[in-house]
Protein backbone atom coordinates (compact mmCIF):
# COMPACT_ATOMS: atom_id res chain seq x y z
CA MET A 1 4.23 -20.18 12.32
CA GLU A 2 0.52 -20.13 13.48
CA PHE A 3 0.54 -16.31 13.41
CA LEU A 4 1.99 -16.05 10.00
CA ALA A 5 -0.62 -18.57 8.69
CA GLN A 6 -3.34 -16.51 10.22
CA PHE A 7 -1.94 -13.23 8.86
CA ILE A 8 -1.89 -14.72 5.29
CA ASP A 9 -5.38 -15.82 5.73
CA VAL A 10 -6.42 -12.20 6.59
CA VAL A 11 -4.56 -10.80 3.61
CA LEU A 12 -6.12 -13.32 1.09
CA HIS A 13 -9.61 -12.99 2.75
CA VAL A 14 -9.63 -9.41 3.72
CA ASP A 15 -13.25 -9.23 2.38
CA LYS A 16 -14.49 -11.60 4.99
CA TYR A 17 -12.50 -9.94 7.87
CA LEU A 18 -13.52 -6.36 6.87
CA SER A 19 -17.23 -7.38 6.85
CA MET A 20 -16.82 -8.94 10.37
CA LEU A 21 -15.07 -5.83 11.66
CA LEU A 22 -17.86 -3.63 10.24
CA ALA A 23 -20.56 -5.89 11.99
CA GLN A 24 -18.76 -6.00 15.11
CA TYR A 25 -17.44 -2.34 15.38
CA GLY A 26 -19.52 -0.30 13.04
CA THR A 27 -18.04 3.16 12.30
CA LEU A 28 -14.94 2.42 14.32
CA VAL A 29 -13.84 0.36 11.06
CA TYR A 30 -12.95 3.81 9.57
CA ALA A 31 -10.29 4.29 12.23
CA ILE A 32 -9.01 0.78 11.72
CA LEU A 33 -8.70 1.32 7.96
CA PHE A 34 -6.87 4.72 8.55
CA ALA A 35 -4.45 2.94 10.91
CA ILE A 36 -3.72 -0.07 8.48
CA VAL A 37 -3.10 2.35 5.47
CA PHE A 38 -1.15 4.76 7.59
CA CYS A 39 1.24 2.04 8.92
CA GLU A 40 1.60 0.38 5.40
CA THR A 41 2.65 3.70 3.87
CA GLY A 42 4.33 5.35 6.86
CA LEU A 43 6.39 2.80 8.57
CA VAL A 44 9.22 0.94 6.82
CA VAL A 45 8.91 -2.18 8.93
CA THR A 46 5.28 -2.84 7.87
CA PRO A 47 5.22 -3.07 4.03
CA PHE A 48 3.53 -6.46 4.23
CA LEU A 49 0.19 -4.98 5.35
CA PRO A 50 -2.66 -5.09 2.74
CA GLY A 51 -3.07 -2.02 0.51
CA ASP A 52 -4.47 -2.39 -2.94
CA SER A 53 -6.70 -5.27 -1.98
CA LEU A 54 -7.95 -3.43 1.14
CA LEU A 55 -8.95 -0.32 -0.89
CA PHE A 56 -10.84 -2.44 -3.42
CA VAL A 57 -12.69 -4.46 -0.79
CA ALA A 58 -13.54 -1.25 1.25
CA GLY A 59 -15.16 0.20 -1.83
CA ALA A 60 -17.02 -3.00 -2.51
CA LEU A 61 -18.31 -3.15 0.97
CA ALA A 62 -19.44 0.37 0.76
CA ALA A 63 -21.49 -0.48 -2.17
CA THR A 64 -23.12 -3.45 -0.45
CA SER A 65 -23.58 -2.01 3.00
CA GLY A 66 -26.82 -0.33 2.40
CA GLY A 67 -25.41 3.18 3.41
CA SER A 68 -23.99 2.08 6.74
CA PHE A 69 -20.44 2.35 5.20
CA ASP A 70 -20.20 5.55 3.22
CA ILE A 71 -17.94 5.70 0.27
CA GLY A 72 -17.30 9.46 0.62
CA ILE A 73 -15.92 8.98 4.13
CA VAL A 74 -14.09 5.86 3.11
CA THR A 75 -12.18 7.62 0.34
CA GLY A 76 -11.57 10.66 2.52
CA VAL A 77 -10.18 8.70 5.37
CA LEU A 78 -8.03 6.38 3.27
CA LEU A 79 -6.70 9.48 1.25
CA ALA A 80 -5.68 11.15 4.48
CA ALA A 81 -4.07 8.00 5.77
CA ALA A 82 -2.06 7.56 2.56
CA VAL A 83 -0.84 11.12 2.49
CA LEU A 84 -0.10 11.49 6.13
CA GLY A 85 1.67 8.00 6.15
CA ASP A 86 3.81 8.92 3.24
CA ASN A 87 4.65 12.33 4.62
CA THR A 88 5.69 10.90 7.90
CA ASN A 89 7.87 8.34 6.17
CA TYR A 90 9.57 11.10 4.05
CA TRP A 91 10.48 13.10 7.00
CA VAL A 92 11.74 10.12 8.93
CA GLY A 93 13.90 9.30 5.92
CA ARG A 94 15.30 12.87 5.72
CA TRP A 95 16.02 13.20 9.32
CA ALA A 96 17.10 9.68 10.42
CA GLY A 97 17.44 7.76 7.22
CA LYS A 98 21.18 6.90 7.53
CA ARG A 99 20.79 5.81 11.08
CA ILE A 100 17.82 3.54 10.15
CA LEU A 101 19.74 2.06 7.32
CA THR A 102 22.66 1.24 9.69
CA TRP A 103 20.29 -0.37 11.97
CA GLY A 104 18.50 -2.16 9.08
CA GLU A 105 21.73 -3.96 8.26
CA LYS A 106 21.46 -5.88 11.38
CA SER A 107 17.69 -6.14 11.84
CA ARG A 108 15.51 -8.90 10.44
CA PHE A 109 12.40 -6.54 10.41
CA PHE A 110 13.97 -4.16 7.72
CA ASN A 111 13.61 -5.42 4.15
CA ARG A 112 16.74 -4.29 2.62
CA LYS A 113 16.15 -5.83 -0.67
CA ALA A 114 12.84 -3.92 -1.06
CA PHE A 115 14.69 -0.76 -0.21
CA ASP A 116 17.45 -1.36 -2.70
CA LEU A 117 14.93 -2.12 -5.44
CA THR A 118 13.12 1.20 -4.69
CA HIS A 119 16.27 3.19 -4.43
CA ALA A 120 17.24 1.94 -7.87
CA TYR A 121 13.82 2.69 -9.19
CA TYR A 122 14.05 6.13 -7.73
CA GLU A 123 17.44 6.82 -9.25
CA THR A 124 15.95 6.05 -12.77
CA HIS A 125 12.64 7.73 -12.55
CA GLY A 126 13.00 10.33 -9.87
CA GLY A 127 9.82 11.99 -8.74
CA LYS A 128 7.61 9.84 -10.97
CA THR A 129 8.44 7.05 -8.63
CA MET A 130 6.00 8.48 -6.12
CA LEU A 131 3.24 8.08 -8.82
CA VAL A 132 4.01 4.65 -10.05
CA ALA A 133 5.04 3.21 -6.56
CA ARG A 134 1.52 3.83 -5.27
CA PHE A 135 0.50 0.61 -7.24
CA MET A 136 3.48 -1.54 -6.23
CA PRO A 137 3.48 -3.30 -2.77
CA PHE A 138 6.73 -2.90 -0.68
CA VAL A 139 8.01 -0.15 -3.24
CA ARG A 140 4.88 2.01 -2.08
CA THR A 141 6.21 1.79 1.50
CA PHE A 142 9.83 2.43 0.71
CA ALA A 143 9.43 5.22 -1.94
CA PRO A 144 8.81 8.07 0.57
CA PHE A 145 11.56 6.95 2.76
CA VAL A 146 13.86 6.87 -0.18
CA ALA A 147 12.79 10.38 -1.31
CA GLY A 148 13.63 11.67 2.22
CA VAL A 149 17.05 9.97 2.31
CA ALA A 150 17.84 11.50 -1.00
CA ASN A 151 16.71 14.95 0.19
CA MET A 152 14.15 15.39 -2.69
CA THR A 153 12.71 18.98 -2.41
CA TYR A 154 9.59 18.62 -0.37
CA ALA A 155 7.35 20.85 -2.57
CA ARG A 156 8.15 18.55 -5.50
CA TYR A 157 7.83 15.38 -3.42
CA PHE A 158 4.42 16.50 -1.98
CA LEU A 159 2.93 17.19 -5.52
CA PHE A 160 3.97 13.90 -6.89
CA ASP A 161 2.91 12.15 -3.63
CA LEU A 162 -0.56 13.76 -3.45
CA CYS A 163 -1.33 12.99 -7.13
CA GLY A 164 -0.36 9.41 -6.67
CA ALA A 165 -2.50 9.10 -3.47
CA VAL A 166 -5.52 10.47 -5.35
CA LEU A 167 -5.13 8.11 -8.17
CA TRP A 168 -4.45 5.09 -5.83
CA VAL A 169 -7.33 5.64 -3.39
CA PHE A 170 -9.97 6.82 -5.77
CA SER A 171 -9.33 4.33 -8.58
CA LEU A 172 -9.25 1.34 -6.35
CA CYS A 173 -12.03 2.28 -3.95
CA LEU A 174 -14.30 3.45 -6.82
CA ALA A 175 -13.59 0.35 -8.81
CA GLY A 176 -14.76 -1.78 -5.71
CA PHE A 177 -17.71 0.58 -5.22
CA TRP A 178 -18.94 0.47 -8.92
CA PHE A 179 -18.37 -3.32 -9.37
CA GLY A 180 -19.17 -4.41 -5.84
CA ASN A 181 -22.86 -4.99 -6.44
CA LEU A 182 -22.34 -7.21 -9.48
CA PRO A 183 -23.33 -10.76 -8.78
CA TRP A 184 -20.18 -12.28 -10.10
CA VAL A 185 -18.10 -9.89 -8.13
CA LYS A 186 -19.90 -10.71 -4.90
CA ALA A 187 -19.58 -14.37 -5.46
CA ASN A 188 -15.88 -14.18 -6.23
CA LEU A 189 -14.60 -11.44 -4.20
CA SER A 190 -11.87 -13.49 -2.48
CA LEU A 191 -10.59 -14.53 -6.06
CA ILE A 192 -10.66 -10.71 -7.14
CA VAL A 193 -8.63 -9.94 -3.92
CA PHE A 194 -6.07 -12.67 -4.73
CA GLY A 195 -5.94 -11.49 -8.39
CA THR A 196 -5.46 -7.85 -7.17
CA ILE A 197 -2.49 -8.92 -4.94
CA GLY A 198 -1.01 -10.80 -7.86
CA LEU A 199 -1.29 -8.02 -10.41
CA SER A 200 0.20 -5.42 -7.87
CA LEU A 201 3.11 -7.66 -7.29
CA LEU A 202 3.84 -8.38 -10.99
CA PRO A 203 5.96 -5.08 -11.49
CA LEU A 204 8.21 -6.22 -8.46
CA VAL A 205 8.64 -9.76 -9.99
CA LEU A 206 9.52 -8.25 -13.52
CA ALA A 207 11.93 -5.83 -11.97
CA TRP A 208 13.56 -8.70 -9.98
CA LEU A 209 13.97 -10.77 -13.24
CA ARG A 210 15.46 -7.92 -15.00
CA GLN A 211 18.06 -7.54 -12.18
CA ARG A 212 18.86 -11.17 -12.34
CA PHE A 213 19.41 -11.18 -16.11
CA ALA A 214 21.41 -8.11 -15.91
CA ALA A 215 23.53 -9.68 -13.22
CA ASN A 216 24.06 -12.88 -15.25
CA ALA A 217 24.83 -10.94 -18.35
CA SER A 218 27.69 -9.17 -16.73
C-alpha cells in the first residue's frame, strides 16, 4: 500500500520528481526518460507508467532549464523510445500473443479489460487505432500488441505507428516547451499534470460508459 501511494504521488507530481532527477543525475535523465516511455509503450504489464504528463513536463522542464536540458534531444529520445517500444510490443504480440493471453487469464499483472477494450477499438477502426491510441493511456500500451496478435501487415502498421508517435511526442513536448515559461504554468504545473491525466483518460471513460449502456440495452 505504501508503494502504491508513493507511485501515485510520482505520477501526480512528475514535474517535481523529474526536476529532482535532472538536478541529481544531469544528462542521465535522457536515459531514464527513454526507459520509462519504452516500458510504457513496449510492455503490456506496465501500462500504468506516466506518458502524456511526462512528455508535457519534459518539454516544460527543457524550457526552464537554461539549456541544460535540450528540447531537441528530449524529443529525439522520446520519439525513439515510443517507436522502439511499440515495435517491440507489436512483434511480441505477433510471435507470442496467444501464449501471453493464455498466461494473462491467470495473472493479476495483465490488464485483460484494457486489452479487450483495445481489441474492440481495433476491430472498429483498424490501422487508425495506432494514431488515436497514442493519446489514450492503457490503450496506447495494448494497441501495438493487438496489432501484432491480429497479424496486421507490418508496413501498414509501421506507417500508422510512426505518424502517431511523431504527433504524440512533438505535440506534448512542444506544448510544454512553448508554455513552460509562462508564470501561470510554472505556478500550476502540478494542476496541469493532473488535468492532462484526466483529459487523456476521458476517452477510456466514455468507451466504458458506451459499453455499459450497450450491455444494459441488450
